[in-house]
C-alpha atoms as a PDB file:
ATOM      1  CA  MET A   1     -17.088 220.495 -38.457  1.00  0.00           C
ATOM      2  CA  ASN A   2     -17.679 217.141 -36.876  1.00  0.00           C
ATOM      3  CA  ARG A   3     -20.617 217.159 -34.537  1.00  0.00           C
ATOM      4  CA  PRO A   4     -22.232 214.590 -32.283  1.00  0.00           C
ATOM      5  CA  ASN A   5     -24.504 212.116 -34.003  1.00  0.00           C
ATOM      6  CA  GLN A   6     -27.283 212.319 -31.470  1.00  0.00           C
ATOM      7  CA  VAL A   7     -29.882 214.994 -31.006  1.00  0.00           C
ATOM      8  CA  SER A   8     -28.988 217.230 -28.058  1.00  0.00           C
ATOM      9  CA  ALA A   9     -31.219 219.413 -25.921  1.00  0.00           C
ATOM     10  CA  VAL A  10     -28.413 221.988 -25.772  1.00  0.00           C
ATOM     11  CA  ASP A  11     -28.310 222.469 -29.559  1.00  0.00           C
ATOM     12  CA  PRO A  12     -31.888 221.870 -30.705  1.00  0.00           C
ATOM     13  CA  VAL A  13     -32.186 220.425 -34.162  1.00  0.00           C
ATOM     14  CA  ASP A  14     -35.306 221.551 -35.893  1.00  0.00           C
ATOM     15  CA  TYR A  15     -34.759 220.928 -39.582  1.00  0.00           C
ATOM     16  CA  ARG A  16     -34.998 217.838 -41.720  1.00  0.00           C
ATOM     17  CA  ILE A  17     -32.747 217.630 -44.764  1.00  0.00           C
ATOM     18  CA  GLY A  18     -35.537 218.701 -47.120  1.00  0.00           C
ATOM     19  CA  ASP A  19     -36.478 221.634 -44.886  1.00  0.00           C
ATOM     20  CA  ILE A  20     -32.982 223.090 -44.701  1.00  0.00           C
ATOM     21  CA  ALA A  21     -32.384 222.476 -48.409  1.00  0.00           C
ATOM     22  CA  GLN A  22     -35.547 224.377 -49.314  1.00  0.00           C
ATOM     23  CA  LEU A  23     -34.774 227.257 -46.932  1.00  0.00           C
ATOM     24  CA  VAL A  24     -31.388 227.846 -48.540  1.00  0.00           C
ATOM     25  CA  GLY A  25     -32.295 226.928 -52.100  1.00  0.00           C
ATOM     26  CA  VAL A  26     -30.085 223.890 -52.620  1.00  0.00           C
ATOM     27  CA  SER A  27     -30.872 220.261 -53.284  1.00  0.00           C
ATOM     28  CA  THR A  28     -30.782 217.514 -50.704  1.00  0.00           C
ATOM     29  CA  ARG A  29     -28.095 215.895 -52.850  1.00  0.00           C
ATOM     30  CA  THR A  30     -25.996 219.050 -52.436  1.00  0.00           C
ATOM     31  CA  LEU A  31     -26.327 218.749 -48.653  1.00  0.00           C
ATOM     32  CA  ARG A  32     -25.245 215.115 -48.765  1.00  0.00           C
ATOM     33  CA  TYR A  33     -22.312 216.070 -50.990  1.00  0.00           C
ATOM     34  CA  TYR A  34     -21.274 218.840 -48.583  1.00  0.00           C
ATOM     35  CA  GLU A  35     -21.407 216.268 -45.805  1.00  0.00           C
ATOM     36  CA  GLU A  36     -19.174 213.905 -47.824  1.00  0.00           C
ATOM     37  CA  LEU A  37     -16.686 216.764 -48.313  1.00  0.00           C
ATOM     38  CA  GLY A  38     -16.774 217.694 -44.628  1.00  0.00           C
ATOM     39  CA  LEU A  39     -18.207 221.163 -45.288  1.00  0.00           C
ATOM     40  CA  LEU A  40     -21.397 220.677 -43.309  1.00  0.00           C
ATOM     41  CA  SER A  41     -22.475 217.953 -40.947  1.00  0.00           C
ATOM     42  CA  PRO A  42     -25.932 217.611 -39.450  1.00  0.00           C
ATOM     43  CA  SER A  43     -26.075 218.351 -35.736  1.00  0.00           C
ATOM     44  CA  GLY A  44     -27.850 215.094 -35.108  1.00  0.00           C
ATOM     45  CA  HIS A  45     -29.672 212.090 -36.384  1.00  0.00           C
ATOM     46  CA  THR A  46     -32.924 210.503 -35.308  1.00  0.00           C
ATOM     47  CA  GLN A  47     -32.903 206.944 -34.033  1.00  0.00           C
ATOM     48  CA  GLY A  48     -33.961 205.977 -37.549  1.00  0.00           C
ATOM     49  CA  GLY A  49     -30.872 207.679 -38.990  1.00  0.00           C
ATOM     50  CA  GLU A  50     -32.545 210.768 -40.477  1.00  0.00           C
ATOM     51  CA  ARG A  51     -30.360 213.857 -40.528  1.00  0.00           C
ATOM     52  CA  ARG A  52     -31.385 216.761 -38.331  1.00  0.00           C
ATOM     53  CA  TYR A  53     -30.015 220.282 -38.688  1.00  0.00           C
ATOM     54  CA  SER A  54     -29.868 223.173 -36.222  1.00  0.00           C
ATOM     55  CA  ASP A  55     -30.030 226.932 -36.660  1.00  0.00           C
ATOM     56  CA  GLY A  56     -26.215 226.903 -36.539  1.00  0.00           C
ATOM     57  CA  ASP A  57     -26.149 224.419 -39.412  1.00  0.00           C
ATOM     58  CA  LEU A  58     -28.558 226.643 -41.329  1.00  0.00           C
ATOM     59  CA  ALA A  59     -26.290 229.665 -40.791  1.00  0.00           C
ATOM     60  CA  GLN A  60     -23.248 227.677 -41.912  1.00  0.00           C
ATOM     61  CA  LEU A  61     -25.041 226.455 -45.046  1.00  0.00           C
ATOM     62  CA  LYS A  62     -26.089 230.017 -45.895  1.00  0.00           C
ATOM     63  CA  ALA A  63     -22.469 231.123 -45.485  1.00  0.00           C
ATOM     64  CA  ILE A  64     -21.222 228.322 -47.740  1.00  0.00           C
ATOM     65  CA  LYS A  65     -23.730 229.302 -50.404  1.00  0.00           C
ATOM     66  CA  GLU A  66     -22.719 232.945 -50.105  1.00  0.00           C
ATOM     67  CA  TYR A  67     -19.011 232.116 -50.421  1.00  0.00           C
ATOM     68  CA  LYS A  68     -19.774 230.179 -53.586  1.00  0.00           C
ATOM     69  CA  GLU A  69     -22.205 232.626 -55.168  1.00  0.00           C
ATOM     70  CA  LEU A  70     -21.124 236.054 -53.955  1.00  0.00           C
ATOM     71  CA  LEU A  71     -17.381 235.489 -53.891  1.00  0.00           C
ATOM     72  CA  GLY A  72     -17.278 232.894 -56.668  1.00  0.00           C
ATOM     73  CA  MET A  73     -15.277 230.448 -54.605  1.00  0.00           C
ATOM     74  CA  ASN A  74     -14.855 226.793 -55.422  1.00  0.00           C
ATOM     75  CA  LEU A  75     -15.485 224.123 -52.800  1.00  0.00           C
ATOM     76  CA  ASP A  76     -11.807 223.827 -51.849  1.00  0.00           C
ATOM     77  CA  GLU A  77     -11.698 227.568 -51.179  1.00  0.00           C
ATOM     78  CA  VAL A  78     -14.959 227.334 -49.230  1.00  0.00           C
ATOM     79  CA  ARG A  79     -13.564 224.450 -47.168  1.00  0.00           C
ATOM     80  CA  ALA A  80     -10.507 226.552 -46.266  1.00  0.00           C
ATOM     81  CA  ILE A  81     -12.710 229.482 -45.212  1.00  0.00           C
ATOM     82  CA  VAL A  82     -15.002 227.258 -43.157  1.00  0.00           C
ATOM     83  CA  ALA A  83     -11.971 225.702 -41.431  1.00  0.00           C
ATOM     84  CA  SER A  84     -10.606 229.193 -40.712  1.00  0.00           C
ATOM     85  CA  GLN A  85     -13.938 230.334 -39.294  1.00  0.00           C
ATOM     86  CA  ILE A  86     -14.122 227.275 -37.047  1.00  0.00           C
ATOM     87  CA  ARG A  87     -10.579 227.901 -35.814  1.00  0.00           C
ATOM     88  CA  LEU A  88     -11.385 231.578 -35.208  1.00  0.00           C
ATOM     89  CA  ASP A  89     -14.399 230.540 -33.119  1.00  0.00           C
ATOM     90  CA  GLU A  90     -12.140 228.236 -31.084  1.00  0.00           C
ATOM     91  CA  LEU A  91      -9.612 231.037 -30.595  1.00  0.00           C
ATOM     92  CA  ARG A  92     -12.367 233.425 -29.515  1.00  0.00           C
ATOM     93  CA  THR A  93     -13.476 230.931 -26.858  1.00  0.00           C
ATOM     94  CA  GLN A  94      -9.888 230.437 -25.686  1.00  0.00           C
ATOM     95  CA  TYR A  95      -9.313 234.186 -25.549  1.00  0.00           C
ATOM     96  CA  HIS A  96     -12.419 234.787 -23.450  1.00  0.00           C
ATOM     97  CA  ALA A  97     -11.361 231.990 -21.095  1.00  0.00           C
ATOM     98  CA  GLN A  98      -8.115 233.915 -20.453  1.00  0.00           C
ATOM     99  CA  LYS A  99      -9.773 237.307 -20.110  1.00  0.00           C
ATOM    100  CA  GLY A 100      -9.529 238.759 -16.635  1.00  0.00           C
ATOM    101  CA  LYS A 101      -6.410 236.758 -15.804  1.00  0.00           C
ATOM    102  CA  ILE A 102      -3.468 239.090 -15.309  1.00  0.00           C
ATOM    103  CA  ASP A 103      -0.526 236.770 -14.751  1.00  0.00           C
ATOM    104  CA  GLU A 104       2.262 236.666 -17.342  1.00  0.00           C
ATOM    105  CA  SER A 105       1.252 233.226 -18.586  1.00  0.00           C
ATOM    106  CA  ALA A 106      -2.326 234.339 -19.321  1.00  0.00           C
ATOM    107  CA  ILE A 107      -1.136 237.510 -21.042  1.00  0.00           C
ATOM    108  CA  ALA A 108       1.284 235.464 -23.174  1.00  0.00           C
ATOM    109  CA  LYS A 109      -1.546 233.047 -24.028  1.00  0.00           C
ATOM    110  CA  ARG A 110      -3.868 235.914 -25.068  1.00  0.00           C
ATOM    111  CA  LYS A 111      -1.093 237.403 -27.175  1.00  0.00           C
ATOM    112  CA  SER A 112      -0.492 234.050 -28.875  1.00  0.00           C
ATOM    113  CA  ILE A 113      -4.222 233.646 -29.535  1.00  0.00           C
ATOM    114  CA  LEU A 114      -4.468 237.131 -31.036  1.00  0.00           C
ATOM    115  CA  GLU A 115      -1.423 236.539 -33.231  1.00  0.00           C
ATOM    116  CA  GLU A 116      -2.949 233.353 -34.633  1.00  0.00           C
ATOM    117  CA  ALA A 117      -6.315 235.072 -35.141  1.00  0.00           C
ATOM    118  CA  LEU A 118      -4.594 237.953 -36.916  1.00  0.00           C
ATOM    119  CA  GLU A 119      -2.764 235.525 -39.200  1.00  0.00           C
ATOM    120  CA  LEU A 120      -6.007 233.698 -40.048  1.00  0.00           C
ATOM    121  CA  ARG A 121      -7.853 236.960 -40.719  1.00  0.00           C
ATOM    122  CA  GLN A 122      -5.010 238.263 -42.884  1.00  0.00           C
ATOM    123  CA  ASP A 123      -4.994 235.017 -44.850  1.00  0.00           C
ATOM    124  CA  LEU A 124      -8.740 235.386 -45.469  1.00  0.00           C
ATOM    125  CA  LEU A 125      -8.244 238.982 -46.609  1.00  0.00           C
ATOM    126  CA  ASP A 126      -5.439 237.906 -48.949  1.00  0.00           C
ATOM    127  CA  LYS A 127      -7.641 235.190 -50.499  1.00  0.00           C
ATOM    128  CA  ILE A 128     -10.479 237.650 -51.040  1.00  0.00           C
ATOM    129  CA  ASP A 129      -8.090 240.245 -52.486  1.00  0.00           C
ATOM    130  CA  GLN A 130      -6.714 237.659 -54.927  1.00  0.00           C
ATOM    131  CA  LYS A 131     -10.238 236.708 -55.992  1.00  0.00           C
ATOM    132  CA  LEU A 132     -11.200 240.379 -56.399  1.00  0.00           C
ATOM    133  CA  ALA A 133      -8.069 241.087 -58.455  1.00  0.00           C
ATOM    134  CA  ARG A 134      -8.957 238.252 -60.846  1.00  0.00           C
ATOM    135  CA  MET A 135     -12.560 239.456 -61.041  1.00  0.00           C
ATOM    136  CA  ASN A 136     -11.449 243.046 -61.703  1.00  0.00           C
ATOM    137  CA  ALA A 137      -9.066 241.887 -64.443  1.00  0.00           C
ATOM    138  CA  PHE A 138     -11.890 239.941 -66.079  1.00  0.00           C
ATOM    139  CA  ARG A 139     -14.223 242.921 -65.733  1.00  0.00           C
ATOM    140  CA  SER A 140     -11.639 245.209 -67.368  1.00  0.00           C
ATOM    141  CA  GLN A 141     -11.307 242.802 -70.248  1.00  0.00           C
ATOM    142  CA  ILE A 142     -15.079 242.725 -70.774  1.00  0.00           C
ATOM    143  CA  GLU A 143     -15.247 246.514 -70.457  1.00  0.00           C
ATOM    144  CA  ASN A 144     -12.510 246.955 -73.081  1.00  0.00           C
ATOM    145  CA  ASP A 145     -14.215 244.485 -75.418  1.00  0.00           C
ATOM    146  CA  THR A 146     -17.494 246.355 -74.952  1.00  0.00           C
ATOM    147  CA  LYS A 147     -15.861 249.679 -75.816  1.00  0.00           C
ATOM    148  CA  ARG A 148     -14.232 248.111 -78.872  1.00  0.00           C
ATOM    149  CA  CYS A 149     -17.600 246.774 -80.063  1.00  0.00           C
ATOM    150  CA  ARG A 150     -19.193 250.201 -79.554  1.00  0.00           C
ATOM    151  CA  ASN A 151     -16.410 251.893 -81.505  1.00  0.00           C
ATOM    152  CA  LEU A 152     -16.687 249.393 -84.355  1.00  0.00           C
ATOM    153  CA  LEU A 153     -20.458 249.797 -84.411  1.00  0.00           C
ATOM    154  CA  ASP A 154     -20.070 253.605 -84.446  1.00  0.00           C
ATOM    155  CA  GLU A 155     -17.641 253.358 -87.367  1.00  0.00           C
ATOM    156  CA  LEU A 156     -20.045 251.180 -89.299  1.00  0.00           C
ATOM    157  CA  SER A 157     -22.922 253.551 -88.590  1.00  0.00           C
ATOM    158  CA  LYS A 158     -21.152 256.589 -90.118  1.00  0.00           C
END
């Protein structure tokens, strides 16, 4: 999550804080708050200290918004998912660095990487399943209340 504080030619930063906020539909204050929480850091700053965001930052912000809106996750849950995604990216890089090596050490390293990735993925699935179970329980309650209202209305209409 922590990124260098200077603009880099390798990771071009094209967006000002207002630009990225408008593209995703959040306020600039929200972006600053996410930065305070460690959810999203700008890829760079100008010499004057203005935040600059990259396409990668934009993708991460869109994902954060989706986790909150689509999955109904709070910021602590989002932070855990973002941390898992970052770790999975690191593991993917480590795995590819070992690919093609056939000695026992490399095979053991790839196995260890895959085991950790599997554990992280399973944890994410478990969190989503828990959230879905709570949502389904709430939906069932609303559905039952709706049926009850319909039945009462039908009885009154007879």
